[in-house]
């Protein structure tokens, strides 16, 4: 990640968060929230039982947009964890 940062440095995760800061805009477009720490990100959404199908569809569209954003920024989505 950070070629010049020593192992265990706090700069690596901080620089990564700055690098992916635009990802928040992609996620918020779908009315979801993004929580990020170091190289781990989590999407969350509020839903009601009667809106379950629409919420799942919204989440799927968001994941597709996140995948496209990541590809454009030379990152890879881990589909095994998604």
PDB file of N, CA and C in Angstrom:
ATOM      1  N   UNK A   1       0.829  -1.176   0.000  1.00  0.00           N
ATOM      2  CA  UNK A   1       0.000   0.000   0.000  1.00  0.00           C
ATOM      3  C   UNK A   1       0.875   1.241   0.000  1.00  0.00           C
ATOM      4  N   UNK A   2       1.587   1.491   1.041  1.00  0.00           N
ATOM      5  CA  UNK A   2       2.422   2.673   1.145  1.00  0.00           C
ATOM      6  C   UNK A   2       3.875   2.222   1.118  1.00  0.00           C
ATOM      7  N   UNK A   3       4.527   2.391  -0.017  1.00  0.00           N
ATOM      8  CA  UNK A   3       5.868   1.870  -0.210  1.00  0.00           C
ATOM      9  C   UNK A   3       6.850   2.483   0.778  1.00  0.00           C
ATOM     10  N   UNK A   4       6.680   3.746   1.117  1.00  0.00           N
ATOM     11  CA  UNK A   4       7.643   4.432   1.962  1.00  0.00           C
ATOM     12  C   UNK A   4       7.271   4.394   3.445  1.00  0.00           C
ATOM     13  N   UNK A   5       6.132   3.820   3.802  1.00  0.00           N
ATOM     14  CA  UNK A   5       5.704   3.777   5.202  1.00  0.00           C
ATOM     15  C   UNK A   5       6.275   2.541   5.877  1.00  0.00           C
ATOM     16  N   UNK A   6       6.858   2.698   7.060  1.00  0.00           N
ATOM     17  CA  UNK A   6       7.372   1.530   7.767  1.00  0.00           C
ATOM     18  C   UNK A   6       6.245   0.592   8.196  1.00  0.00           C
ATOM     19  N   UNK A   7       6.562  -0.684   8.351  1.00  0.00           N
ATOM     20  CA  UNK A   7       5.587  -1.683   8.785  1.00  0.00           C
ATOM     21  C   UNK A   7       4.952  -1.250  10.104  1.00  0.00           C
ATOM     22  N   UNK A   8       3.639  -1.309  10.180  1.00  0.00           N
ATOM     23  CA  UNK A   8       2.941  -0.950  11.403  1.00  0.00           C
ATOM     24  C   UNK A   8       2.697   0.537  11.544  1.00  0.00           C
ATOM     25  N   UNK A   9       3.058   1.306  10.554  1.00  0.00           N
ATOM     26  CA  UNK A   9       2.872   2.755  10.617  1.00  0.00           C
ATOM     27  C   UNK A   9       1.388   3.103  10.540  1.00  0.00           C
ATOM     28  N   UNK A  10       0.995   4.159  11.216  1.00  0.00           N
ATOM     29  CA  UNK A  10      -0.393   4.619  11.128  1.00  0.00           C
ATOM     30  C   UNK A  10      -0.639   5.347   9.814  1.00  0.00           C
ATOM     31  N   UNK A  11       0.408   5.673   9.086  1.00  0.00           N
ATOM     32  CA  UNK A  11       0.232   6.392   7.826  1.00  0.00           C
ATOM     33  C   UNK A  11      -0.419   5.534   6.754  1.00  0.00           C
ATOM     34  N   UNK A  12      -0.130   4.241   6.719  1.00  0.00           N
ATOM     35  CA  UNK A  12      -0.715   3.366   5.700  1.00  0.00           C
ATOM     36  C   UNK A  12      -2.229   3.400   5.714  1.00  0.00           C
ATOM     37  N   UNK A  13      -2.875   3.084   6.855  1.00  0.00           N
ATOM     38  CA  UNK A  13      -4.341   3.152   6.906  1.00  0.00           C
ATOM     39  C   UNK A  13      -4.882   4.557   6.663  1.00  0.00           C
ATOM     40  N   UNK A  14      -4.201   5.563   7.156  1.00  0.00           N
ATOM     41  CA  UNK A  14      -4.664   6.936   6.962  1.00  0.00           C
ATOM     42  C   UNK A  14      -4.623   7.319   5.489  1.00  0.00           C
ATOM     43  N   UNK A  15      -3.539   6.990   4.824  1.00  0.00           N
ATOM     44  CA  UNK A  15      -3.433   7.297   3.401  1.00  0.00           C
ATOM     45  C   UNK A  15      -4.457   6.523   2.586  1.00  0.00           C
ATOM     46  N   UNK A  16      -4.727   5.285   2.976  1.00  0.00           N
ATOM     47  CA  UNK A  16      -5.742   4.498   2.281  1.00  0.00           C
ATOM     48  C   UNK A  16      -7.115   5.156   2.429  1.00  0.00           C
ATOM     49  N   UNK A  17      -7.454   5.609   3.638  1.00  0.00           N
ATOM     50  CA  UNK A  17      -8.747   6.271   3.854  1.00  0.00           C
ATOM     51  C   UNK A  17      -8.861   7.534   3.015  1.00  0.00           C
ATOM     52  N   UNK A  18      -7.787   8.277   2.887  1.00  0.00           N
ATOM     53  CA  UNK A  18      -7.811   9.459   2.029  1.00  0.00           C
ATOM     54  C   UNK A  18      -8.004   9.064   0.570  1.00  0.00           C
ATOM     55  N   UNK A  19      -7.391   7.963   0.182  1.00  0.00           N
ATOM     56  CA  UNK A  19      -7.491   7.480  -1.197  1.00  0.00           C
ATOM     57  C   UNK A  19      -8.926   7.083  -1.548  1.00  0.00           C
ATOM     58  N   UNK A  20      -9.632   6.468  -0.608  1.00  0.00           N
ATOM     59  CA  UNK A  20     -10.989   5.977  -0.885  1.00  0.00           C
ATOM     60  C   UNK A  20     -12.077   6.931  -0.394  1.00  0.00           C
ATOM     61  N   UNK A  21     -11.726   8.150  -0.036  1.00  0.00           N
ATOM     62  CA  UNK A  21     -12.702   9.094   0.511  1.00  0.00           C
ATOM     63  C   UNK A  21     -13.868   9.339  -0.454  1.00  0.00           C
ATOM     64  N   UNK A  22     -13.628   9.339  -1.744  1.00  0.00           N
ATOM     65  CA  UNK A  22     -14.700   9.558  -2.722  1.00  0.00           C
ATOM     66  C   UNK A  22     -15.713   8.434  -2.749  1.00  0.00           C
ATOM     67  N   UNK A  23     -15.354   7.299  -2.207  1.00  0.00           N
ATOM     68  CA  UNK A  23     -16.275   6.164  -2.183  1.00  0.00           C
ATOM     69  C   UNK A  23     -17.547   6.492  -1.400  1.00  0.00           C
ATOM     70  N   UNK A  24     -17.449   7.375  -0.432  1.00  0.00           N
ATOM     71  CA  UNK A  24     -18.615   7.784   0.352  1.00  0.00           C
ATOM     72  C   UNK A  24     -19.693   8.363  -0.567  1.00  0.00           C
ATOM     73  N   UNK A  25     -19.297   9.152  -1.547  1.00  0.00           N
ATOM     74  CA  UNK A  25     -20.264   9.743  -2.481  1.00  0.00           C
ATOM     75  C   UNK A  25     -21.009   8.675  -3.273  1.00  0.00           C
ATOM     76  N   UNK A  26     -20.299   7.635  -3.681  1.00  0.00           N
ATOM     77  CA  UNK A  26     -20.922   6.540  -4.432  1.00  0.00           C
ATOM     78  C   UNK A  26     -21.969   5.850  -3.565  1.00  0.00           C
ATOM     79  N   UNK A  27     -21.630   5.587  -2.318  1.00  0.00           N
ATOM     80  CA  UNK A  27     -22.516   4.866  -1.406  1.00  0.00           C
ATOM     81  C   UNK A  27     -23.720   5.716  -1.015  1.00  0.00           C
ATOM     82  N   UNK A  28     -23.495   6.990  -0.704  1.00  0.00           N
ATOM     83  CA  UNK A  28     -24.594   7.858  -0.267  1.00  0.00           C
ATOM     84  C   UNK A  28     -25.613   8.096  -1.371  1.00  0.00           C
ATOM     85  N   UNK A  29     -25.188   7.972  -2.622  1.00  0.00           N
ATOM     86  CA  UNK A  29     -26.111   8.106  -3.750  1.00  0.00           C
ATOM     87  C   UNK A  29     -27.233   7.064  -3.661  1.00  0.00           C
ATOM     88  N   UNK A  30     -26.945   5.935  -3.019  1.00  0.00           N
ATOM     89  CA  UNK A  30     -27.917   4.846  -2.880  1.00  0.00           C
ATOM     90  C   UNK A  30     -28.609   4.860  -1.512  1.00  0.00           C
ATOM     91  N   UNK A  31     -28.399   5.943  -0.767  1.00  0.00           N
ATOM     92  CA  UNK A  31     -28.998   6.112   0.567  1.00  0.00           C
ATOM     93  C   UNK A  31     -28.515   5.050   1.552  1.00  0.00           C
ATOM     94  N   UNK A  32     -27.265   4.644   1.410  1.00  0.00           N
ATOM     95  CA  UNK A  32     -26.617   3.731   2.341  1.00  0.00           C
ATOM     96  C   UNK A  32     -25.533   4.494   3.080  1.00  0.00           C
ATOM     97  N   UNK A  33     -24.988   3.873   4.105  1.00  0.00           N
ATOM     98  CA  UNK A  33     -23.882   4.461   4.855  1.00  0.00           C
ATOM     99  C   UNK A  33     -22.647   3.576   4.704  1.00  0.00           C
ATOM    100  N   UNK A  34     -21.502   4.228   4.728  1.00  0.00           N
ATOM    101  CA  UNK A  34     -20.226   3.535   4.610  1.00  0.00           C
ATOM    102  C   UNK A  34     -19.432   3.750   5.886  1.00  0.00           C
ATOM    103  N   UNK A  35     -18.983   2.662   6.481  1.00  0.00           N
ATOM    104  CA  UNK A  35     -18.081   2.715   7.630  1.00  0.00           C
ATOM    105  C   UNK A  35     -16.769   2.112   7.178  1.00  0.00           C
ATOM    106  N   UNK A  36     -15.693   2.839   7.403  1.00  0.00           N
ATOM    107  CA  UNK A  36     -14.388   2.367   6.930  1.00  0.00           C
ATOM    108  C   UNK A  36     -13.361   2.470   8.038  1.00  0.00           C
ATOM    109  N   UNK A  37     -12.522   1.460   8.103  1.00  0.00           N
ATOM    110  CA  UNK A  37     -11.377   1.471   9.004  1.00  0.00           C
ATOM    111  C   UNK A  37     -10.244   0.735   8.317  1.00  0.00           C
ATOM    112  N   UNK A  38      -9.118   1.392   8.213  1.00  0.00           N
ATOM    113  CA  UNK A  38      -7.955   0.836   7.526  1.00  0.00           C
ATOM    114  C   UNK A  38      -8.379   0.376   6.135  1.00  0.00           C
ATOM    115  N   UNK A  39      -8.222  -0.895   5.808  1.00  0.00           N
ATOM    116  CA  UNK A  39      -8.587  -1.370   4.470  1.00  0.00           C
ATOM    117  C   UNK A  39      -9.902  -2.143   4.478  1.00  0.00           C
ATOM    118  N   UNK A  40     -10.730  -1.924   5.484  1.00  0.00           N
ATOM    119  CA  UNK A  40     -12.005  -2.627   5.601  1.00  0.00           C
ATOM    120  C   UNK A  40     -13.139  -1.610   5.529  1.00  0.00           C
ATOM    121  N   UNK A  41     -14.135  -1.893   4.714  1.00  0.00           N
ATOM    122  CA  UNK A  41     -15.297  -1.010   4.569  1.00  0.00           C
ATOM    123  C   UNK A  41     -16.566  -1.827   4.764  1.00  0.00           C
ATOM    124  N   UNK A  42     -17.566  -1.188   5.324  1.00  0.00           N
ATOM    125  CA  UNK A  42     -18.834  -1.866   5.578  1.00  0.00           C
ATOM    126  C   UNK A  42     -19.978  -0.954   5.140  1.00  0.00           C
ATOM    127  N   UNK A  43     -20.911  -1.518   4.392  1.00  0.00           N
ATOM    128  CA  UNK A  43     -22.111  -0.793   3.976  1.00  0.00           C
ATOM    129  C   UNK A  43     -23.250  -1.153   4.905  1.00  0.00           C
ATOM    130  N   UNK A  44     -24.034  -0.154   5.294  1.00  0.00           N
ATOM    131  CA  UNK A  44     -25.215  -0.424   6.104  1.00  0.00           C
ATOM    132  C   UNK A  44     -26.393   0.353   5.542  1.00  0.00           C
ATOM    133  N   UNK A  45     -27.579  -0.165   5.790  1.00  0.00           N
ATOM    134  CA  UNK A  45     -28.786   0.533   5.396  1.00  0.00           C
ATOM    135  C   UNK A  45     -29.880   0.247   6.405  1.00  0.00           C
ATOM    136  N   UNK A  46     -30.756   1.214   6.562  1.00  0.00           N
ATOM    137  CA  UNK A  46     -31.938   1.033   7.396  1.00  0.00           C
ATOM    138  C   UNK A  46     -33.050   0.527   6.491  1.00  0.00           C
ATOM    139  N   UNK A  47     -33.826  -0.405   6.998  1.00  0.00           N
ATOM    140  CA  UNK A  47     -34.919  -0.911   6.173  1.00  0.00           C
ATOM    141  C   UNK A  47     -36.107  -1.297   7.037  1.00  0.00           C
ATOM    142  N   UNK A  48     -37.228  -1.327   6.355  1.00  0.00           N
ATOM    143  CA  UNK A  48     -38.458  -1.788   6.991  1.00  0.00           C
ATOM    144  C   UNK A  48     -38.833  -3.119   6.347  1.00  0.00           C
ATOM    145  N   UNK A  49     -39.513  -3.933   7.098  1.00  0.00           N
ATOM    146  CA  UNK A  49     -39.876  -5.260   6.606  1.00  0.00           C
ATOM    147  C   UNK A  49     -40.650  -5.192   5.288  1.00  0.00           C
ATOM    148  N   UNK A  50     -41.551  -4.217   5.158  1.00  0.00           N
ATOM    149  CA  UNK A  50     -42.352  -4.116   3.936  1.00  0.00           C
ATOM    150  C   UNK A  50     -41.554  -3.539   2.764  1.00  0.00           C
ATOM    151  N   UNK A  51     -40.309  -3.105   2.999  1.00  0.00           N
ATOM    152  CA  UNK A  51     -39.457  -2.571   1.940  1.00  0.00           C
ATOM    153  C   UNK A  51     -38.242  -3.462   1.689  1.00  0.00           C
ATOM    154  N   UNK A  52     -38.304  -4.692   2.144  1.00  0.00           N
ATOM    155  CA  UNK A  52     -37.151  -5.581   2.077  1.00  0.00           C
ATOM    156  C   UNK A  52     -36.661  -5.791   0.643  1.00  0.00           C
ATOM    157  N   UNK A  53     -37.545  -6.107  -0.280  1.00  0.00           N
ATOM    158  CA  UNK A  53     -37.133  -6.378  -1.663  1.00  0.00           C
ATOM    159  C   UNK A  53     -36.490  -5.146  -2.292  1.00  0.00           C
ATOM    160  N   UNK A  54     -37.075  -3.973  -2.080  1.00  0.00           N
ATOM    161  CA  UNK A  54     -36.510  -2.740  -2.640  1.00  0.00           C
ATOM    162  C   UNK A  54     -35.166  -2.420  -2.006  1.00  0.00           C
ATOM    163  N   UNK A  55     -35.013  -2.704  -0.722  1.00  0.00           N
ATOM    164  CA  UNK A  55     -33.751  -2.444  -0.028  1.00  0.00           C
ATOM    165  C   UNK A  55     -32.644  -3.360  -0.536  1.00  0.00           C
ATOM    166  N   UNK A  56     -32.970  -4.611  -0.757  1.00  0.00           N
ATOM    167  CA  UNK A  56     -31.986  -5.559  -1.291  1.00  0.00           C
ATOM    168  C   UNK A  56     -31.553  -5.124  -2.687  1.00  0.00           C
ATOM    169  N   UNK A  57     -32.508  -4.692  -3.493  1.00  0.00           N
ATOM    170  CA  UNK A  57     -32.187  -4.226  -4.839  1.00  0.00           C
ATOM    171  C   UNK A  57     -31.291  -2.986  -4.780  1.00  0.00           C
ATOM    172  N   UNK A  58     -31.597  -2.063  -3.873  1.00  0.00           N
ATOM    173  CA  UNK A  58     -30.778  -0.857  -3.703  1.00  0.00           C
ATOM    174  C   UNK A  58     -29.354  -1.229  -3.279  1.00  0.00           C
ATOM    175  N   UNK A  59     -29.225  -2.193  -2.390  1.00  0.00           N
ATOM    176  CA  UNK A  59     -27.917  -2.658  -1.943  1.00  0.00           C
ATOM    177  C   UNK A  59     -27.142  -3.286  -3.099  1.00  0.00           C
ATOM    178  N   UNK A  60     -27.806  -4.090  -3.918  1.00  0.00           N
ATOM    179  CA  UNK A  60     -27.150  -4.711  -5.065  1.00  0.00           C
ATOM    180  C   UNK A  60     -26.647  -3.665  -6.053  1.00  0.00           C
ATOM    181  N   UNK A  61     -27.472  -2.628  -6.316  1.00  0.00           N
ATOM    182  CA  UNK A  61     -27.048  -1.552  -7.222  1.00  0.00           C
ATOM    183  C   UNK A  61     -25.844  -0.816  -6.644  1.00  0.00           C
ATOM    184  N   UNK A  62     -25.865  -0.601  -5.342  1.00  0.00           N
ATOM    185  CA  UNK A  62     -24.748   0.078  -4.683  1.00  0.00           C
ATOM    186  C   UNK A  62     -23.476  -0.741  -4.814  1.00  0.00           C
ATOM    187  N   UNK A  63     -23.560  -2.033  -4.592  1.00  0.00           N
ATOM    188  CA  UNK A  63     -22.379  -2.900  -4.700  1.00  0.00           C
ATOM    189  C   UNK A  63     -21.832  -2.879  -6.123  1.00  0.00           C
ATOM    190  N   UNK A  64     -22.717  -2.859  -7.109  1.00  0.00           N
ATOM    191  CA  UNK A  64     -22.270  -2.769  -8.503  1.00  0.00           C
ATOM    192  C   UNK A  64     -21.522  -1.461  -8.746  1.00  0.00           C
ATOM    193  N   UNK A  65     -22.065  -0.350  -8.247  1.00  0.00           N
ATOM    194  CA  UNK A  65     -21.400   0.944  -8.413  1.00  0.00           C
ATOM    195  C   UNK A  65     -20.075   0.995  -7.656  1.00  0.00           C
ATOM    196  N   UNK A  66     -20.038   0.398  -6.464  1.00  0.00           N
ATOM    197  CA  UNK A  66     -18.791   0.343  -5.691  1.00  0.00           C
ATOM    198  C   UNK A  66     -17.751  -0.462  -6.463  1.00  0.00           C
ATOM    199  N   UNK A  67     -18.153  -1.581  -7.038  1.00  0.00           N
ATOM    200  CA  UNK A  67     -17.237  -2.410  -7.819  1.00  0.00           C
ATOM    201  C   UNK A  67     -16.684  -1.626  -9.009  1.00  0.00           C
ATOM    202  N   UNK A  68     -17.539  -0.880  -9.689  1.00  0.00           N
ATOM    203  CA  UNK A  68     -17.087  -0.062 -10.824  1.00  0.00           C
ATOM    204  C   UNK A  68     -16.123   1.028 -10.364  1.00  0.00           C
ATOM    205  N   UNK A  69     -16.442   1.673  -9.230  1.00  0.00           N
ATOM    206  CA  UNK A  69     -15.576   2.721  -8.697  1.00  0.00           C
ATOM    207  C   UNK A  69     -14.216   2.132  -8.330  1.00  0.00           C
ATOM    208  N   UNK A  70     -14.245   0.969  -7.690  1.00  0.00           N
ATOM    209  CA  UNK A  70     -12.992   0.338  -7.281  1.00  0.00           C
ATOM    210  C   UNK A  70     -12.153  -0.040  -8.493  1.00  0.00           C
ATOM    211  N   UNK A  71     -12.769  -0.591  -9.516  1.00  0.00           N
ATOM    212  CA  UNK A  71     -12.027  -0.948 -10.730  1.00  0.00           C
ATOM    213  C   UNK A  71     -11.406   0.287 -11.368  1.00  0.00           C
ATOM    214  N   UNK A  72     -12.160   1.382 -11.406  1.00  0.00           N
ATOM    215  CA  UNK A  72     -11.644   2.624 -11.991  1.00  0.00           C
ATOM    216  C   UNK A  72     -10.486   3.189 -11.177  1.00  0.00           C
ATOM    217  N   UNK A  73     -10.409   2.840  -9.892  1.00  0.00           N
ATOM    218  CA  UNK A  73      -9.356   3.339  -9.011  1.00  0.00           C
ATOM    219  C   UNK A  73      -8.301   2.273  -8.681  1.00  0.00           C
ATOM    220  N   UNK A  74      -8.249   1.260  -9.539  1.00  0.00           N
ATOM    221  CA  UNK A  74      -7.237   0.194  -9.437  1.00  0.00           C
ATOM    222  C   UNK A  74      -7.298  -0.564  -8.112  1.00  0.00           C
ATOM    223  N   UNK A  75      -8.520  -0.783  -7.625  1.00  0.00           N
ATOM    224  CA  UNK A  75      -8.756  -1.590  -6.433  1.00  0.00           C
ATOM    225  C   UNK A  75      -9.621  -2.774  -6.832  1.00  0.00           C
ATOM    226  N   UNK A  76      -9.667  -3.797  -5.998  1.00  0.00           N
ATOM    227  CA  UNK A  76     -10.458  -4.972  -6.321  1.00  0.00           C
ATOM    228  C   UNK A  76     -11.394  -5.304  -5.166  1.00  0.00           C
ATOM    229  N   UNK A  77     -12.655  -5.520  -5.493  1.00  0.00           N
ATOM    230  CA  UNK A  77     -13.658  -5.909  -4.521  1.00  0.00           C
ATOM    231  C   UNK A  77     -13.487  -7.394  -4.225  1.00  0.00           C
ATOM    232  N   UNK A  78     -13.441  -7.748  -2.968  1.00  0.00           N
ATOM    233  CA  UNK A  78     -13.314  -9.152  -2.559  1.00  0.00           C
ATOM    234  C   UNK A  78     -14.712  -9.766  -2.555  1.00  0.00           C
ATOM    235  N   UNK A  79     -15.060 -10.469  -3.625  1.00  0.00           N
ATOM    236  CA  UNK A  79     -16.406 -11.021  -3.752  1.00  0.00           C
ATOM    237  C   UNK A  79     -16.682 -12.116  -2.736  1.00  0.00           C
ATOM    238  N   UNK A  80     -15.643 -12.748  -2.203  1.00  0.00           N
ATOM    239  CA  UNK A  80     -15.848 -13.765  -1.170  1.00  0.00           C
ATOM    240  C   UNK A  80     -16.327 -13.164   0.147  1.00  0.00           C
ATOM    241  N   UNK A  81     -16.064 -11.889   0.353  1.00  0.00           N
ATOM    242  CA  UNK A  81     -16.473 -11.223   1.582  1.00  0.00           C
ATOM    243  C   UNK A  81     -17.638 -10.268   1.360  1.00  0.00           C
ATOM    244  N   UNK A  82     -18.165 -10.237   0.142  1.00  0.00           N
ATOM    245  CA  UNK A  82     -19.233  -9.279  -0.192  1.00  0.00           C
ATOM    246  C   UNK A  82     -20.578  -9.962  -0.222  1.00  0.00           C
TER     247      UNK A  82
END
